[in-house]
C-alpha atoms as a PDB file:
ATOM      1  CA  MET A   1     102.136 103.790 117.343  1.00  0.00           C
ATOM      2  CA  LEU A   2     100.737 104.250 113.812  1.00  0.00           C
ATOM      3  CA  ILE A   3      97.313 105.105 115.193  1.00  0.00           C
ATOM      4  CA  LYS A   4      98.837 107.657 117.582  1.00  0.00           C
ATOM      5  CA  LEU A   5     100.704 109.295 114.687  1.00  0.00           C
ATOM      6  CA  LEU A   6      97.611 109.300 112.486  1.00  0.00           C
ATOM      7  CA  ALA A   7      95.449 110.666 115.288  1.00  0.00           C
ATOM      8  CA  SER A   8      97.997 113.427 115.850  1.00  0.00           C
ATOM      9  CA  ALA A   9      97.883 114.251 112.145  1.00  0.00           C
ATOM     10  CA  PHE A  10      94.147 114.868 112.482  1.00  0.00           C
ATOM     11  CA  PHE A  11      94.791 117.817 114.744  1.00  0.00           C
ATOM     12  CA  LEU A  12      97.584 119.082 112.502  1.00  0.00           C
ATOM     13  CA  ILE A  13      95.175 119.580 109.594  1.00  0.00           C
ATOM     14  CA  LEU A  14      92.774 121.595 111.685  1.00  0.00           C
ATOM     15  CA  PRO A  15      94.385 124.957 110.786  1.00  0.00           C
ATOM     16  CA  ALA A  16      92.860 124.487 107.327  1.00  0.00           C
ATOM     17  CA  LEU A  17      89.373 124.304 108.815  1.00  0.00           C
ATOM     18  CA  SER A  18      86.687 126.379 110.208  1.00  0.00           C
ATOM     19  CA  PHE A  19      84.225 124.119 111.990  1.00  0.00           C
ATOM     20  CA  ALA A  20      82.612 122.011 109.310  1.00  0.00           C
ATOM     21  CA  GLN A  21      81.236 118.533 108.832  1.00  0.00           C
ATOM     22  CA  THR A  22      84.129 117.691 106.503  1.00  0.00           C
ATOM     23  CA  ALA A  23      87.667 118.979 106.110  1.00  0.00           C
ATOM     24  CA  GLU A  24      90.030 117.983 103.349  1.00  0.00           C
ATOM     25  CA  ARG A  25      93.573 118.819 102.453  1.00  0.00           C
ATOM     26  CA  SER A  26      95.749 117.395  99.697  1.00  0.00           C
ATOM     27  CA  VAL A  27      98.911 118.012  97.770  1.00  0.00           C
ATOM     28  CA  THR A  28      99.803 116.777  94.301  1.00  0.00           C
ATOM     29  CA  ILE A  29     103.348 116.679  92.975  1.00  0.00           C
ATOM     30  CA  GLU A  30     104.106 116.110  89.315  1.00  0.00           C
ATOM     31  CA  ALA A  31     107.481 115.347  87.789  1.00  0.00           C
ATOM     32  CA  ASP A  32     108.581 114.791  84.216  1.00  0.00           C
ATOM     33  CA  ALA A  33     111.672 112.915  83.132  1.00  0.00           C
ATOM     34  CA  THR A  34     113.291 111.885  79.893  1.00  0.00           C
ATOM     35  CA  VAL A  35     114.453 108.323  79.248  1.00  0.00           C
ATOM     36  CA  LYS A  36     118.223 108.635  78.725  1.00  0.00           C
ATOM     37  CA  SER A  37     118.854 104.921  78.188  1.00  0.00           C
ATOM     38  CA  VAL A  38     117.161 101.516  78.372  1.00  0.00           C
ATOM     39  CA  ASP A  39     118.959  98.194  78.921  1.00  0.00           C
ATOM     40  CA  PRO A  40     116.624  95.373  77.826  1.00  0.00           C
ATOM     41  CA  ASP A  41     118.866  92.670  79.357  1.00  0.00           C
ATOM     42  CA  THR A  42     118.921  94.117  82.892  1.00  0.00           C
ATOM     43  CA  ARG A  43     115.654  96.127  82.573  1.00  0.00           C
ATOM     44  CA  LEU A  44     117.495  99.179  83.908  1.00  0.00           C
ATOM     45  CA  ILE A  45     116.213 102.569  82.780  1.00  0.00           C
ATOM     46  CA  VAL A  46     118.137 105.821  83.259  1.00  0.00           C
ATOM     47  CA  LEU A  47     115.792 108.791  83.694  1.00  0.00           C
ATOM     48  CA  GLN A  48     116.752 112.463  83.704  1.00  0.00           C
ATOM     49  CA  ASN A  49     114.524 114.833  85.705  1.00  0.00           C
ATOM     50  CA  ALA A  50     113.265 117.545  83.347  1.00  0.00           C
ATOM     51  CA  GLU A  51     113.400 120.234  86.049  1.00  0.00           C
ATOM     52  CA  THR A  52     116.632 119.479  87.921  1.00  0.00           C
ATOM     53  CA  GLY A  53     118.648 117.577  85.312  1.00  0.00           C
ATOM     54  CA  GLU A  54     119.452 114.886  87.900  1.00  0.00           C
ATOM     55  CA  GLU A  55     119.652 111.319  86.643  1.00  0.00           C
ATOM     56  CA  GLU A  56     118.194 108.277  88.360  1.00  0.00           C
ATOM     57  CA  THR A  57     118.550 104.624  87.413  1.00  0.00           C
ATOM     58  CA  ILE A  58     115.506 102.465  88.092  1.00  0.00           C
ATOM     59  CA  LEU A  59     114.844  98.766  87.694  1.00  0.00           C
ATOM     60  CA  ALA A  60     111.658  98.031  85.757  1.00  0.00           C
ATOM     61  CA  GLY A  61     110.373  94.880  87.428  1.00  0.00           C
ATOM     62  CA  PRO A  62     108.158  92.255  85.823  1.00  0.00           C
ATOM     63  CA  GLU A  63     105.051  94.308  86.720  1.00  0.00           C
ATOM     64  CA  VAL A  64     106.098  96.814  84.011  1.00  0.00           C
ATOM     65  CA  VAL A  65     104.332  95.367  80.998  1.00  0.00           C
ATOM     66  CA  ASN A  66     105.165  96.608  77.519  1.00  0.00           C
ATOM     67  CA  PHE A  67     108.752  97.220  78.623  1.00  0.00           C
ATOM     68  CA  ASP A  68     109.887  96.700  75.036  1.00  0.00           C
ATOM     69  CA  GLN A  69     108.032  99.897  74.038  1.00  0.00           C
ATOM     70  CA  ILE A  70     110.184 102.141  76.273  1.00  0.00           C
ATOM     71  CA  GLU A  71     112.740 103.999  74.174  1.00  0.00           C
ATOM     72  CA  GLU A  72     115.470 106.564  74.653  1.00  0.00           C
ATOM     73  CA  GLY A  73     113.924 110.043  74.435  1.00  0.00           C
ATOM     74  CA  ASP A  74     110.494 109.014  75.794  1.00  0.00           C
ATOM     75  CA  THR A  75     108.907 111.364  78.335  1.00  0.00           C
ATOM     76  CA  VAL A  76     107.840 109.825  81.647  1.00  0.00           C
ATOM     77  CA  LYS A  77     105.316 111.582  83.893  1.00  0.00           C
ATOM     78  CA  ALA A  78     104.871 110.770  87.574  1.00  0.00           C
ATOM     79  CA  VAL A  79     101.960 112.155  89.587  1.00  0.00           C
ATOM     80  CA  TYR A  80     101.925 111.688  93.378  1.00  0.00           C
ATOM     81  CA  THR A  81      98.971 112.748  95.530  1.00  0.00           C
ATOM     82  CA  LEU A  82      98.730 112.717  99.311  1.00  0.00           C
ATOM     83  CA  GLY A  83      95.527 113.715 101.053  1.00  0.00           C
ATOM     84  CA  ILE A  84      93.851 113.773 104.432  1.00  0.00           C
ATOM     85  CA  ALA A  85      90.182 114.242 105.214  1.00  0.00           C
ATOM     86  CA  ALA A  86      88.325 114.472 108.492  1.00  0.00           C
ATOM     87  CA  SER A  87      84.568 114.178 108.823  1.00  0.00           C
ATOM     88  CA  MET A  88      81.960 113.089 111.278  1.00  0.00           C
ATOM     89  CA  ALA A  89      81.789 109.294 111.102  1.00  0.00           C
ATOM     90  CA  PHE A  90      78.690 107.568 109.775  1.00  0.00           C
ATOM     91  CA  PRO A  91      76.811 105.293 112.185  1.00  0.00           C
ATOM     92  CA  GLY A  92      78.416 101.856 112.088  1.00  0.00           C
ATOM     93  CA  GLU A  93      81.499 103.066 110.183  1.00  0.00           C
ATOM     94  CA  VAL A  94      84.658 101.168 111.152  1.00  0.00           C
ATOM     95  CA  ASP A  95      88.397 101.409 110.496  1.00  0.00           C
ATOM     96  CA  SER A  96      89.207 100.376 106.960  1.00  0.00           C
ATOM     97  CA  MET A  97      91.929 100.151 104.371  1.00  0.00           C
ATOM     98  CA  VAL A  98      91.553 100.011 100.602  1.00  0.00           C
ATOM     99  CA  GLU A  99      94.431  99.331  98.230  1.00  0.00           C
ATOM    100  CA  LEU A 100      94.198  99.737  94.476  1.00  0.00           C
ATOM    101  CA  GLU A 101      96.697  99.054  91.763  1.00  0.00           C
ATOM    102  CA  GLY A 102      96.635  98.882  88.035  1.00  0.00           C
ATOM    103  CA  ARG A 103      98.958  98.628  85.114  1.00  0.00           C
ATOM    104  CA  ALA A 104      98.824  99.103  81.406  1.00  0.00           C
ATOM    105  CA  SER A 105      97.243  96.375  79.357  1.00  0.00           C
ATOM    106  CA  GLU A 106      99.315  94.402  76.865  1.00  0.00           C
ATOM    107  CA  GLY A 107     100.087  96.480  73.812  1.00  0.00           C
ATOM    108  CA  SER A 108      99.226  99.864  75.313  1.00  0.00           C
ATOM    109  CA  THR A 109     101.598 102.607  76.439  1.00  0.00           C
ATOM    110  CA  PRO A 110     103.588 101.512  79.543  1.00  0.00           C
ATOM    111  CA  GLY A 111     102.188 102.794  82.836  1.00  0.00           C
ATOM    112  CA  VAL A 112     101.325 101.827  86.386  1.00  0.00           C
ATOM    113  CA  ALA A 113      99.176 103.284  89.186  1.00  0.00           C
ATOM    114  CA  ALA A 114      98.723 102.419  92.856  1.00  0.00           C
ATOM    115  CA  GLY A 115      96.808 103.934  95.740  1.00  0.00           C
ATOM    116  CA  THR A 116      95.906 103.356  99.366  1.00  0.00           C
ATOM    117  CA  MET A 117      93.254 104.856 101.634  1.00  0.00           C
ATOM    118  CA  VAL A 118      93.268 104.227 105.374  1.00  0.00           C
ATOM    119  CA  THR A 119      90.311 105.412 107.462  1.00  0.00           C
ATOM    120  CA  LEU A 120      90.474 105.474 111.251  1.00  0.00           C
ATOM    121  CA  ILE A 121      87.433 106.059 113.430  1.00  0.00           C
ATOM    122  CA  LEU A 122      88.288 108.093 116.529  1.00  0.00           C
ATOM    123  CA  THR A 123      85.929 108.845 119.403  1.00  0.00           C
ATOM    124  CA  PHE A 124      86.249 112.265 121.016  1.00  0.00           C
ATOM    125  CA  VAL A 125      86.487 112.083 124.811  1.00  0.00           C
ATOM    126  CA  SER A 126      87.357 115.570 126.066  1.00  0.00           C
ATOM    127  CA  PHE A 127      89.310 118.760 125.596  1.00  0.00           C
ATOM    128  CA  ASP A 128      91.280 120.508 128.343  1.00  0.00           C
ATOM    129  CA  GLU A 129      91.334 124.191 127.381  1.00  0.00           C
ATOM    130  CA  ALA A 130      94.048 125.053 129.926  1.00  0.00           C
ATOM    131  CA  SER A 131      96.568 122.616 128.421  1.00  0.00           C
ATOM    132  CA  SER A 132      95.077 122.501 124.875  1.00  0.00           C
ATOM    133  CA  VAL A 133      95.042 118.716 125.034  1.00  0.00           C
ATOM    134  CA  ALA A 134      92.341 116.674 123.334  1.00  0.00           C
ATOM    135  CA  THR A 135      91.673 113.118 124.405  1.00  0.00           C
ATOM    136  CA  VAL A 136      90.372 110.582 121.866  1.00  0.00           C
ATOM    137  CA  THR A 137      90.109 106.811 121.719  1.00  0.00           C
ATOM    138  CA  ASP A 138      90.781 104.639 118.717  1.00  0.00           C
ATOM    139  CA  SER A 139      88.737 101.605 117.691  1.00  0.00           C
ATOM    140  CA  SER A 140      90.685  99.352 120.057  1.00  0.00           C
ATOM    141  CA  GLY A 141      89.768 101.617 122.978  1.00  0.00           C
ATOM    142  CA  THR A 142      93.302 102.953 123.371  1.00  0.00           C
ATOM    143  CA  GLU A 143      93.219 106.491 124.681  1.00  0.00           C
ATOM    144  CA  GLN A 144      95.391 109.120 123.015  1.00  0.00           C
ATOM    145  CA  MET A 145      96.178 112.581 124.343  1.00  0.00           C
ATOM    146  CA  ILE A 146      96.962 115.047 121.586  1.00  0.00           C
ATOM    147  CA  GLU A 147      98.090 118.654 121.953  1.00  0.00           C
ATOM    148  CA  VAL A 148      95.994 120.971 119.767  1.00  0.00           C
ATOM    149  CA  GLU A 149      98.411 123.707 118.773  1.00  0.00           C
ATOM    150  CA  THR A 150      96.357 126.163 116.698  1.00  0.00           C
ATOM    151  CA  GLU A 151      93.439 128.453 117.468  1.00  0.00           C
ATOM    152  CA  VAL A 152      91.439 127.003 114.574  1.00  0.00           C
ATOM    153  CA  GLY A 153      92.125 123.511 115.924  1.00  0.00           C
ATOM    154  CA  ARG A 154      90.962 124.504 119.394  1.00  0.00           C
ATOM    155  CA  GLU A 155      87.779 126.050 117.952  1.00  0.00           C
ATOM    156  CA  PHE A 156      87.068 122.821 116.083  1.00  0.00           C
ATOM    157  CA  VAL A 157      87.651 120.606 119.109  1.00  0.00           C
ATOM    158  CA  GLU A 158      85.556 122.860 121.335  1.00  0.00           C
ATOM    159  CA  GLN A 159      82.586 122.179 119.027  1.00  0.00           C
ATOM    160  CA  LEU A 160      82.827 118.419 119.571  1.00  0.00           C
ATOM    161  CA  SER A 161      80.893 116.595 122.270  1.00  0.00           C
ATOM    162  CA  ALA A 162      82.044 113.566 124.236  1.00  0.00           C
ATOM    163  CA  GLY A 163      81.222 110.480 122.194  1.00  0.00           C
ATOM    164  CA  ASP A 164      81.373 112.221 118.792  1.00  0.00           C
ATOM    165  CA  ARG A 165      83.000 109.942 116.256  1.00  0.00           C
ATOM    166  CA  VAL A 166      85.387 111.352 113.677  1.00  0.00           C
ATOM    167  CA  ALA A 167      86.450 109.519 110.499  1.00  0.00           C
ATOM    168  CA  LEU A 168      90.025 110.351 109.582  1.00  0.00           C
ATOM    169  CA  SER A 169      91.070 109.231 106.091  1.00  0.00           C
ATOM    170  CA  PHE A 170      94.558 109.253 104.625  1.00  0.00           C
ATOM    171  CA  THR A 171      94.908 108.771 100.870  1.00  0.00           C
ATOM    172  CA  GLU A 172      98.065 108.227  98.859  1.00  0.00           C
ATOM    173  CA  GLY A 173      98.343 107.573  95.147  1.00  0.00           C
ATOM    174  CA  LEU A 174     101.030 107.342  92.493  1.00  0.00           C
ATOM    175  CA  ALA A 175     100.705 107.080  88.725  1.00  0.00           C
ATOM    176  CA  VAL A 176     103.677 106.739  86.375  1.00  0.00           C
ATOM    177  CA  GLY A 177     103.571 106.372  82.636  1.00  0.00           C
ATOM    178  CA  ILE A 178     105.046 107.211  79.267  1.00  0.00           C
ATOM    179  CA  VAL A 179     103.535 110.350  77.765  1.00  0.00           C
ATOM    180  CA  GLU A 180     102.422 109.894  74.179  1.00  0.00           C
ATOM    181  CA  GLU A 181     103.414 112.765  71.923  1.00  0.00           C
END
Protein backbone atom coordinates (compact mmCIF):
# COMPACT_ATOMS: atom_id res chain seq x y z
CA MET A 1 0.00 0.00 0.00
CA LEU A 2 2.83 2.42 0.87
CA ILE A 3 4.50 1.81 -2.47
CA LYS A 4 1.21 2.42 -4.31
CA LEU A 5 0.77 5.73 -2.45
CA LEU A 6 4.36 6.76 -3.11
CA ALA A 7 4.12 5.78 -6.77
CA SER A 8 0.94 7.84 -7.07
CA ALA A 9 2.74 10.80 -5.51
CA PHE A 10 5.28 10.62 -8.33
CA PHE A 11 2.63 11.52 -10.85
CA LEU A 12 1.23 14.24 -8.59
CA ILE A 13 4.50 16.18 -8.71
CA LEU A 14 4.62 16.12 -12.47
CA PRO A 15 2.76 19.45 -12.86
CA ALA A 16 5.94 21.10 -11.59
CA LEU A 17 7.94 19.61 -14.45
CA SER A 18 8.63 20.00 -18.03
CA PHE A 19 10.34 16.86 -19.28
CA ALA A 20 13.71 16.75 -17.58
CA GLN A 21 16.16 14.24 -16.22
CA THR A 22 15.40 15.40 -12.67
CA ALA A 23 12.43 17.05 -11.01
CA GLU A 24 12.37 18.31 -7.45
CA ARG A 25 9.80 19.93 -5.25
CA SER A 26 10.03 20.84 -1.58
CA VAL A 27 8.38 22.90 1.09
CA THR A 28 9.93 24.25 4.27
CA ILE A 29 7.89 25.43 7.24
CA GLU A 30 9.43 27.40 10.07
CA ALA A 31 7.84 28.18 13.42
CA ASP A 32 9.06 30.14 16.41
CA ALA A 33 7.83 29.75 19.95
CA THR A 34 8.61 31.20 23.34
CA VAL A 35 9.19 29.02 26.39
CA LYS A 36 6.42 30.03 28.82
CA SER A 37 7.41 27.60 31.58
CA VAL A 38 9.73 24.68 32.34
CA ASP A 39 9.10 22.00 34.98
CA PRO A 40 12.41 20.26 35.74
CA ASP A 41 10.71 17.49 37.76
CA THR A 42 8.32 16.36 35.00
CA ARG A 43 10.40 17.72 32.06
CA LEU A 44 7.27 19.43 30.74
CA ILE A 45 7.78 22.59 28.70
CA VAL A 46 4.98 25.00 27.79
CA LEU A 47 5.63 26.72 24.46
CA GLN A 48 3.69 29.64 22.99
CA ASN A 49 3.61 29.92 19.18
CA ALA A 50 4.98 33.35 18.22
CA GLU A 51 2.57 33.71 15.29
CA THR A 52 -0.72 32.32 16.63
CA GLY A 53 -0.30 32.75 20.39
CA GLU A 54 -1.44 29.15 20.93
CA GLU A 55 0.22 27.24 23.75
CA GLU A 56 1.43 23.65 23.59
CA THR A 57 2.83 21.50 26.38
CA ILE A 58 5.54 19.06 25.34
CA LEU A 59 7.46 16.41 27.22
CA ALA A 60 11.22 16.70 26.77
CA GLY A 61 12.35 13.08 26.80
CA PRO A 62 15.79 11.83 27.82
CA GLU A 63 17.08 12.47 24.27
CA VAL A 64 16.90 16.23 25.03
CA VAL A 65 20.35 16.82 26.45
CA ASN A 66 21.15 20.07 28.22
CA PHE A 67 17.56 20.26 29.45
CA ASP A 68 18.75 22.26 32.45
CA GLN A 69 19.70 25.12 30.10
CA ILE A 70 16.11 25.68 28.90
CA GLU A 71 14.63 28.73 30.61
CA GLU A 72 11.41 30.70 30.58
CA GLY A 73 11.62 33.32 27.82
CA ASP A 74 13.91 31.28 25.53
CA THR A 75 13.04 31.28 21.82
CA VAL A 76 12.61 27.88 20.17
CA LYS A 77 12.82 27.51 16.38
CA ALA A 78 11.47 24.51 14.50
CA VAL A 79 12.23 23.95 10.82
CA TYR A 80 10.39 21.19 8.93
CA THR A 81 11.22 20.30 5.32
CA LEU A 82 9.40 17.85 3.07
CA GLY A 83 10.66 17.14 -0.43
CA ILE A 84 10.15 14.85 -3.38
CA ALA A 85 12.46 14.28 -6.32
CA ALA A 86 12.09 12.17 -9.43
CA SER A 87 14.95 11.30 -11.75
CA MET A 88 16.04 8.60 -14.11
CA ALA A 89 17.48 5.79 -12.00
CA PHE A 90 21.17 4.95 -12.19
CA PRO A 91 22.09 1.46 -13.42
CA GLY A 92 21.99 -0.92 -10.47
CA GLU A 93 20.20 1.57 -8.19
CA VAL A 94 17.82 -0.12 -5.74
CA ASP A 95 15.17 0.91 -3.22
CA SER A 96 16.75 2.45 -0.17
CA MET A 97 16.07 4.24 3.08
CA VAL A 98 18.42 6.47 5.04
CA GLU A 99 17.65 7.79 8.51
CA LEU A 100 19.70 10.45 10.25
CA GLU A 101 19.41 11.94 13.68
CA GLY A 102 21.50 14.16 15.84
CA ARG A 103 21.32 16.08 19.04
CA ALA A 104 23.24 18.78 20.77
CA SER A 105 26.45 17.80 22.48
CA GLU A 106 26.79 18.11 26.24
CA GLY A 107 27.14 21.73 27.27
CA SER A 108 25.93 23.26 24.02
CA THR A 109 22.59 24.93 23.30
CA PRO A 110 19.73 22.36 23.39
CA GLY A 111 18.66 21.09 19.97
CA VAL A 112 17.76 18.00 17.99
CA ALA A 113 17.48 17.09 14.29
CA ALA A 114 16.16 14.06 12.43
CA GLY A 115 15.63 13.17 8.80
CA THR A 116 14.59 10.32 6.53
CA MET A 117 14.98 9.73 2.80
CA VAL A 118 13.18 6.88 1.06
CA THR A 119 14.00 6.12 -2.58
CA LEU A 120 11.83 3.79 -4.65
CA ILE A 121 12.87 2.50 -8.05
CA LEU A 122 9.89 2.20 -10.41
CA THR A 123 9.97 0.68 -13.88
CA PHE A 124 7.76 2.31 -16.50
CA VAL A 125 5.61 -0.21 -18.38
CA SER A 126 3.14 1.77 -20.50
CA PHE A 127 0.83 4.74 -20.82
CA ASP A 128 -2.74 4.56 -22.14
CA GLU A 129 -3.45 8.00 -23.62
CA ALA A 130 -7.21 7.36 -23.87
CA SER A 131 -7.59 6.75 -20.12
CA SER A 132 -4.50 8.73 -18.98
CA VAL A 133 -3.34 5.73 -16.98
CA ALA A 134 0.33 4.93 -16.54
CA THR A 135 1.43 1.45 -15.56
CA VAL A 136 4.62 0.96 -13.52
CA THR A 137 6.11 -1.86 -11.49
CA ASP A 138 7.88 -1.54 -8.19
CA SER A 139 11.01 -3.45 -7.17
CA SER A 140 8.95 -6.45 -6.05
CA GLY A 141 7.38 -6.67 -9.51
CA THR A 142 3.97 -5.49 -8.32
CA GLU A 143 2.20 -3.62 -11.08
CA GLN A 144 0.55 -0.30 -10.28
CA MET A 145 -1.89 1.60 -12.48
CA ILE A 146 -1.83 5.33 -11.82
CA GLU A 147 -4.07 7.99 -13.35
CA VAL A 148 -2.01 10.90 -14.70
CA GLU A 149 -4.25 13.90 -14.19
CA THR A 150 -2.32 16.86 -15.65
CA GLU A 151 -1.19 17.78 -19.14
CA VAL A 152 2.39 18.27 -17.93
CA GLY A 153 2.25 14.82 -16.32
CA ARG A 154 1.00 13.25 -19.53
CA GLU A 155 3.76 14.98 -21.53
CA PHE A 156 6.35 13.61 -19.12
CA VAL A 157 4.99 10.06 -19.22
CA GLU A 158 4.72 10.13 -23.01
CA GLN A 159 8.50 10.73 -23.15
CA LEU A 160 9.23 7.53 -21.21
CA SER A 161 9.89 4.20 -22.89
CA ALA A 162 8.91 0.78 -21.60
CA GLY A 163 11.64 -0.39 -19.24
CA ASP A 164 12.77 3.12 -18.21
CA ARG A 165 13.58 3.17 -14.52
CA VAL A 166 12.63 6.16 -12.40
CA ALA A 167 14.08 6.89 -8.94
CA LEU A 168 11.51 8.52 -6.70
CA SER A 169 12.91 10.00 -3.48
CA PHE A 170 10.95 11.35 -0.54
CA THR A 171 12.83 13.40 2.06
CA GLU A 172 11.61 14.62 5.42
CA GLY A 173 13.58 16.51 8.04
CA LEU A 174 12.96 18.32 11.30
CA ALA A 175 15.31 20.47 13.36
CA VAL A 176 14.34 22.04 16.69
CA GLY A 177 16.54 24.12 18.93
CA ILE A 178 16.91 27.06 21.26
CA VAL A 179 17.88 30.24 19.42
CA GLU A 180 20.81 32.03 21.01
CA GLU A 181 20.31 35.77 21.28
